[in-house]
Amino acid sequence: MNIIDIILIALLAVVIGFAVRHTVKQRRAGGCGCGCANCTGSAACHGGGASSANDDHP
């Protein structure tokens, strides 16, 4: 292994570390980052329960 390999591995480790850090911070903030429009688990993320047919009546 030469110095270039070590530098590339270290750089890759830093990039992966930042990606993991970003994902963990985003999860702690309460989201997955993919949007809720088509998400089947949006009720679990936002604390809502299962909807029923009578939910849209006041």
PDB file of N, CA and C in Angstrom:
ATOM      1  N   MET A   1       0.852  -1.183   0.000  1.00  0.00           N
ATOM      2  CA  MET A   1       0.000   0.000   0.000  1.00  0.00           C
ATOM      3  C   MET A   1       0.895   1.243   0.000  1.00  0.00           C
ATOM      4  N   ASN A   2       0.639   2.117  -0.917  1.00  0.00           N
ATOM      5  CA  ASN A   2       1.443   3.331  -0.947  1.00  0.00           C
ATOM      6  C   ASN A   2       0.646   4.501  -0.365  1.00  0.00           C
ATOM      7  N   ILE A   3       1.226   5.657  -0.365  1.00  0.00           N
ATOM      8  CA  ILE A   3       0.640   6.831   0.277  1.00  0.00           C
ATOM      9  C   ILE A   3      -0.654   7.269  -0.409  1.00  0.00           C
ATOM     10  N   ILE A   4      -0.743   7.094  -1.726  1.00  0.00           N
ATOM     11  CA  ILE A   4      -1.960   7.476  -2.458  1.00  0.00           C
ATOM     12  C   ILE A   4      -3.136   6.622  -1.998  1.00  0.00           C
ATOM     13  N   ASP A   5      -2.913   5.326  -1.820  1.00  0.00           N
ATOM     14  CA  ASP A   5      -3.975   4.440  -1.336  1.00  0.00           C
ATOM     15  C   ASP A   5      -4.457   4.849   0.045  1.00  0.00           C
ATOM     16  N   ILE A   6      -3.537   5.185   0.912  1.00  0.00           N
ATOM     17  CA  ILE A   6      -3.886   5.583   2.277  1.00  0.00           C
ATOM     18  C   ILE A   6      -4.689   6.879   2.269  1.00  0.00           C
ATOM     19  N   ILE A   7      -4.282   7.833   1.440  1.00  0.00           N
ATOM     20  CA  ILE A   7      -5.003   9.105   1.346  1.00  0.00           C
ATOM     21  C   ILE A   7      -6.409   8.886   0.797  1.00  0.00           C
ATOM     22  N   LEU A   8      -6.550   8.061  -0.228  1.00  0.00           N
ATOM     23  CA  LEU A   8      -7.870   7.794  -0.800  1.00  0.00           C
ATOM     24  C   LEU A   8      -8.785   7.067   0.193  1.00  0.00           C
ATOM     25  N   ILE A   9      -8.245   6.123   0.934  1.00  0.00           N
ATOM     26  CA  ILE A   9      -9.045   5.416   1.940  1.00  0.00           C
ATOM     27  C   ILE A   9      -9.470   6.371   3.046  1.00  0.00           C
ATOM     28  N   ALA A  10      -8.567   7.236   3.474  1.00  0.00           N
ATOM     29  CA  ALA A  10      -8.907   8.215   4.513  1.00  0.00           C
ATOM     30  C   ALA A  10      -9.972   9.187   4.016  1.00  0.00           C
ATOM     31  N   LEU A  11      -9.854   9.633   2.782  1.00  0.00           N
ATOM     32  CA  LEU A  11     -10.833  10.549   2.201  1.00  0.00           C
ATOM     33  C   LEU A  11     -12.200   9.869   2.084  1.00  0.00           C
ATOM     34  N   LEU A  12     -12.209   8.634   1.657  1.00  0.00           N
ATOM     35  CA  LEU A  12     -13.454   7.879   1.558  1.00  0.00           C
ATOM     36  C   LEU A  12     -14.086   7.685   2.938  1.00  0.00           C
ATOM     37  N   ALA A  13     -13.278   7.416   3.940  1.00  0.00           N
ATOM     38  CA  ALA A  13     -13.789   7.255   5.301  1.00  0.00           C
ATOM     39  C   ALA A  13     -14.399   8.555   5.821  1.00  0.00           C
ATOM     40  N   VAL A  14     -13.805   9.681   5.499  1.00  0.00           N
ATOM     41  CA  VAL A  14     -14.337  10.977   5.925  1.00  0.00           C
ATOM     42  C   VAL A  14     -15.676  11.250   5.248  1.00  0.00           C
ATOM     43  N   VAL A  15     -15.767  10.971   3.963  1.00  0.00           N
ATOM     44  CA  VAL A  15     -17.014  11.200   3.231  1.00  0.00           C
ATOM     45  C   VAL A  15     -18.123  10.305   3.786  1.00  0.00           C
ATOM     46  N   ILE A  16     -17.827   9.046   4.027  1.00  0.00           N
ATOM     47  CA  ILE A  16     -18.820   8.133   4.597  1.00  0.00           C
ATOM     48  C   ILE A  16     -19.205   8.575   5.997  1.00  0.00           C
ATOM     49  N   GLY A  17     -18.252   9.046   6.774  1.00  0.00           N
ATOM     50  CA  GLY A  17     -18.544   9.544   8.121  1.00  0.00           C
ATOM     51  C   GLY A  17     -19.494  10.732   8.097  1.00  0.00           C
ATOM     52  N   PHE A  18     -19.271  11.656   7.172  1.00  0.00           N
ATOM     53  CA  PHE A  18     -20.178  12.802   7.063  1.00  0.00           C
ATOM     54  C   PHE A  18     -21.568  12.378   6.611  1.00  0.00           C
ATOM     55  N   ALA A  19     -21.653  11.393   5.719  1.00  0.00           N
ATOM     56  CA  ALA A  19     -22.952  10.911   5.264  1.00  0.00           C
ATOM     57  C   ALA A  19     -23.719  10.259   6.411  1.00  0.00           C
ATOM     58  N   VAL A  20     -23.037   9.463   7.208  1.00  0.00           N
ATOM     59  CA  VAL A  20     -23.678   8.821   8.363  1.00  0.00           C
ATOM     60  C   VAL A  20     -24.096   9.873   9.377  1.00  0.00           C
ATOM     61  N   ARG A  21     -23.248  10.842   9.618  1.00  0.00           N
ATOM     62  CA  ARG A  21     -23.567  11.921  10.566  1.00  0.00           C
ATOM     63  C   ARG A  21     -24.805  12.687  10.117  1.00  0.00           C
ATOM     64  N   HIS A  22     -24.880  12.993   8.834  1.00  0.00           N
ATOM     65  CA  HIS A  22     -26.033  13.706   8.286  1.00  0.00           C
ATOM     66  C   HIS A  22     -27.308  12.888   8.464  1.00  0.00           C
ATOM     67  N   THR A  23     -27.234  11.605   8.176  1.00  0.00           N
ATOM     68  CA  THR A  23     -28.401  10.732   8.304  1.00  0.00           C
ATOM     69  C   THR A  23     -28.861  10.634   9.753  1.00  0.00           C
ATOM     70  N   VAL A  24     -27.937  10.511  10.681  1.00  0.00           N
ATOM     71  CA  VAL A  24     -28.288  10.416  12.104  1.00  0.00           C
ATOM     72  C   VAL A  24     -28.928  11.715  12.582  1.00  0.00           C
ATOM     73  N   LYS A  25     -28.361  12.848  12.197  1.00  0.00           N
ATOM     74  CA  LYS A  25     -28.939  14.129  12.598  1.00  0.00           C
ATOM     75  C   LYS A  25     -30.327  14.314  12.022  1.00  0.00           C
ATOM     76  N   GLN A  26     -30.531  13.871  10.789  1.00  0.00           N
ATOM     77  CA  GLN A  26     -31.832  14.001  10.146  1.00  0.00           C
ATOM     78  C   GLN A  26     -32.861  13.096  10.821  1.00  0.00           C
ATOM     79  N   ARG A  27     -32.465  11.900  11.210  1.00  0.00           N
ATOM     80  CA  ARG A  27     -33.375  10.987  11.908  1.00  0.00           C
ATOM     81  C   ARG A  27     -33.770  11.553  13.269  1.00  0.00           C
ATOM     82  N   ARG A  28     -32.809  12.127  13.967  1.00  0.00           N
ATOM     83  CA  ARG A  28     -33.102  12.713  15.279  1.00  0.00           C
ATOM     84  C   ARG A  28     -34.037  13.907  15.170  1.00  0.00           C
ATOM     85  N   ALA A  29     -33.978  14.595  14.024  1.00  0.00           N
ATOM     86  CA  ALA A  29     -34.850  15.746  13.809  1.00  0.00           C
ATOM     87  C   ALA A  29     -36.265  15.307  13.441  1.00  0.00           C
ATOM     88  N   GLY A  30     -36.445  14.019  13.166  1.00  0.00           N
ATOM     89  CA  GLY A  30     -37.786  13.503  12.907  1.00  0.00           C
ATOM     90  C   GLY A  30     -38.149  13.354  11.457  1.00  0.00           C
ATOM     91  N   GLY A  31     -37.257  12.946  10.630  1.00  0.00           N
ATOM     92  CA  GLY A  31     -37.597  12.760   9.233  1.00  0.00           C
ATOM     93  C   GLY A  31     -36.667  11.805   8.543  1.00  0.00           C
ATOM     94  N   CYS A  32     -37.092  11.356   7.395  1.00  0.00           N
ATOM     95  CA  CYS A  32     -36.260  10.442   6.629  1.00  0.00           C
ATOM     96  C   CYS A  32     -35.618  11.128   5.432  1.00  0.00           C
ATOM     97  N   GLY A  33     -36.118  12.280   5.037  1.00  0.00           N
ATOM     98  CA  GLY A  33     -35.526  13.018   3.943  1.00  0.00           C
ATOM     99  C   GLY A  33     -36.078  12.688   2.575  1.00  0.00           C
ATOM    100  N   CYS A  34     -37.060  11.805   2.515  1.00  0.00           N
ATOM    101  CA  CYS A  34     -37.572  11.417   1.207  1.00  0.00           C
ATOM    102  C   CYS A  34     -38.934  12.021   0.917  1.00  0.00           C
ATOM    103  N   GLY A  35     -39.469  12.792   1.814  1.00  0.00           N
ATOM    104  CA  GLY A  35     -40.784  13.388   1.605  1.00  0.00           C
ATOM    105  C   GLY A  35     -41.878  12.470   2.097  1.00  0.00           C
ATOM    106  N   CYS A  36     -43.037  13.012   2.371  1.00  0.00           N
ATOM    107  CA  CYS A  36     -44.121  12.230   2.953  1.00  0.00           C
ATOM    108  C   CYS A  36     -45.255  11.945   1.975  1.00  0.00           C
ATOM    109  N   ALA A  37     -45.209  12.499   0.792  1.00  0.00           N
ATOM    110  CA  ALA A  37     -46.329  12.368  -0.133  1.00  0.00           C
ATOM    111  C   ALA A  37     -46.632  10.912  -0.481  1.00  0.00           C
ATOM    112  N   ASN A  38     -45.626  10.133  -0.744  1.00  0.00           N
ATOM    113  CA  ASN A  38     -45.834   8.745  -1.148  1.00  0.00           C
ATOM    114  C   ASN A  38     -45.293   7.755  -0.128  1.00  0.00           C
ATOM    115  N   CYS A  39     -45.044   8.197   1.066  1.00  0.00           N
ATOM    116  CA  CYS A  39     -44.430   7.354   2.084  1.00  0.00           C
ATOM    117  C   CYS A  39     -45.503   6.551   2.815  1.00  0.00           C
ATOM    118  N   THR A  40     -45.339   5.248   2.865  1.00  0.00           N
ATOM    119  CA  THR A  40     -46.309   4.404   3.564  1.00  0.00           C
ATOM    120  C   THR A  40     -46.139   4.482   5.074  1.00  0.00           C
ATOM    121  N   GLY A  41     -45.006   4.986   5.542  1.00  0.00           N
ATOM    122  CA  GLY A  41     -44.775   5.069   6.976  1.00  0.00           C
ATOM    123  C   GLY A  41     -44.895   6.475   7.526  1.00  0.00           C
ATOM    124  N   SER A  42     -45.529   7.390   6.811  1.00  0.00           N
ATOM    125  CA  SER A  42     -45.597   8.777   7.268  1.00  0.00           C
ATOM    126  C   SER A  42     -46.384   8.904   8.566  1.00  0.00           C
ATOM    127  N   ALA A  43     -47.357   8.034   8.804  1.00  0.00           N
ATOM    128  CA  ALA A  43     -48.111   8.086  10.052  1.00  0.00           C
ATOM    129  C   ALA A  43     -47.205   7.770  11.231  1.00  0.00           C
ATOM    130  N   ALA A  44     -46.262   6.877  11.052  1.00  0.00           N
ATOM    131  CA  ALA A  44     -45.338   6.525  12.126  1.00  0.00           C
ATOM    132  C   ALA A  44     -44.360   7.664  12.403  1.00  0.00           C
ATOM    133  N   CYS A  45     -43.948   8.372  11.372  1.00  0.00           N
ATOM    134  CA  CYS A  45     -42.994   9.476  11.542  1.00  0.00           C
ATOM    135  C   CYS A  45     -43.632  10.667  12.251  1.00  0.00           C
ATOM    136  N   HIS A  46     -44.872  10.935  11.934  1.00  0.00           N
ATOM    137  CA  HIS A  46     -45.524  12.137  12.423  1.00  0.00           C
ATOM    138  C   HIS A  46     -46.502  11.877  13.550  1.00  0.00           C
ATOM    139  N   GLY A  47     -46.538  10.659  14.068  1.00  0.00           N
ATOM    140  CA  GLY A  47     -47.362  10.353  15.225  1.00  0.00           C
ATOM    141  C   GLY A  47     -48.831  10.221  14.940  1.00  0.00           C
ATOM    142  N   GLY A  48     -49.234  10.230  13.701  1.00  0.00           N
ATOM    143  CA  GLY A  48     -50.640  10.077  13.362  1.00  0.00           C
ATOM    144  C   GLY A  48     -51.035   8.619  13.395  1.00  0.00           C
ATOM    145  N   GLY A  49     -52.286   8.378  13.600  1.00  0.00           N
ATOM    146  CA  GLY A  49     -52.779   7.007  13.586  1.00  0.00           C
ATOM    147  C   GLY A  49     -53.331   6.663  12.231  1.00  0.00           C
ATOM    148  N   ALA A  50     -53.930   5.527  12.156  1.00  0.00           N
ATOM    149  CA  ALA A  50     -54.560   5.125  10.914  1.00  0.00           C
ATOM    150  C   ALA A  50     -55.783   5.992  10.670  1.00  0.00           C
ATOM    151  N   SER A  51     -55.962   6.389   9.417  1.00  0.00           N
ATOM    152  CA  SER A  51     -57.103   7.253   9.119  1.00  0.00           C
ATOM    153  C   SER A  51     -58.332   6.399   8.867  1.00  0.00           C
ATOM    154  N   SER A  52     -59.463   6.975   9.127  1.00  0.00           N
ATOM    155  CA  SER A  52     -60.718   6.273   8.862  1.00  0.00           C
ATOM    156  C   SER A  52     -61.567   7.129   7.957  1.00  0.00           C
ATOM    157  N   ALA A  53     -62.695   6.605   7.537  1.00  0.00           N
ATOM    158  CA  ALA A  53     -63.549   7.319   6.601  1.00  0.00           C
ATOM    159  C   ALA A  53     -64.178   8.560   7.253  1.00  0.00           C
ATOM    160  N   ASN A  54     -64.281   8.615   8.567  1.00  0.00           N
ATOM    161  CA  ASN A  54     -64.920   9.732   9.253  1.00  0.00           C
ATOM    162  C   ASN A  54     -63.950  10.843   9.645  1.00  0.00           C
ATOM    163  N   ASP A  55     -62.677  10.725   9.287  1.00  0.00           N
ATOM    164  CA  ASP A  55     -61.707  11.738   9.682  1.00  0.00           C
ATOM    165  C   ASP A  55     -61.921  13.078   9.010  1.00  0.00           C
ATOM    166  N   ASP A  56     -62.512  13.106   7.837  1.00  0.00           N
ATOM    167  CA  ASP A  56     -62.642  14.387   7.153  1.00  0.00           C
ATOM    168  C   ASP A  56     -63.936  15.118   7.504  1.00  0.00           C
ATOM    169  N   HIS A  57     -64.671  14.635   8.463  1.00  0.00           N
ATOM    170  CA  HIS A  57     -65.863  15.334   8.935  1.00  0.00           C
ATOM    171  C   HIS A  57     -65.539  16.064  10.226  1.00  0.00           C
ATOM    172  N   PRO A  58     -65.955  17.317  10.360  1.00  0.00           N
ATOM    173  CA  PRO A  58     -65.619  18.080  11.573  1.00  0.00           C
ATOM    174  C   PRO A  58     -66.324  17.617  12.811  1.00  0.00           C
TER     175      PRO A  58
END
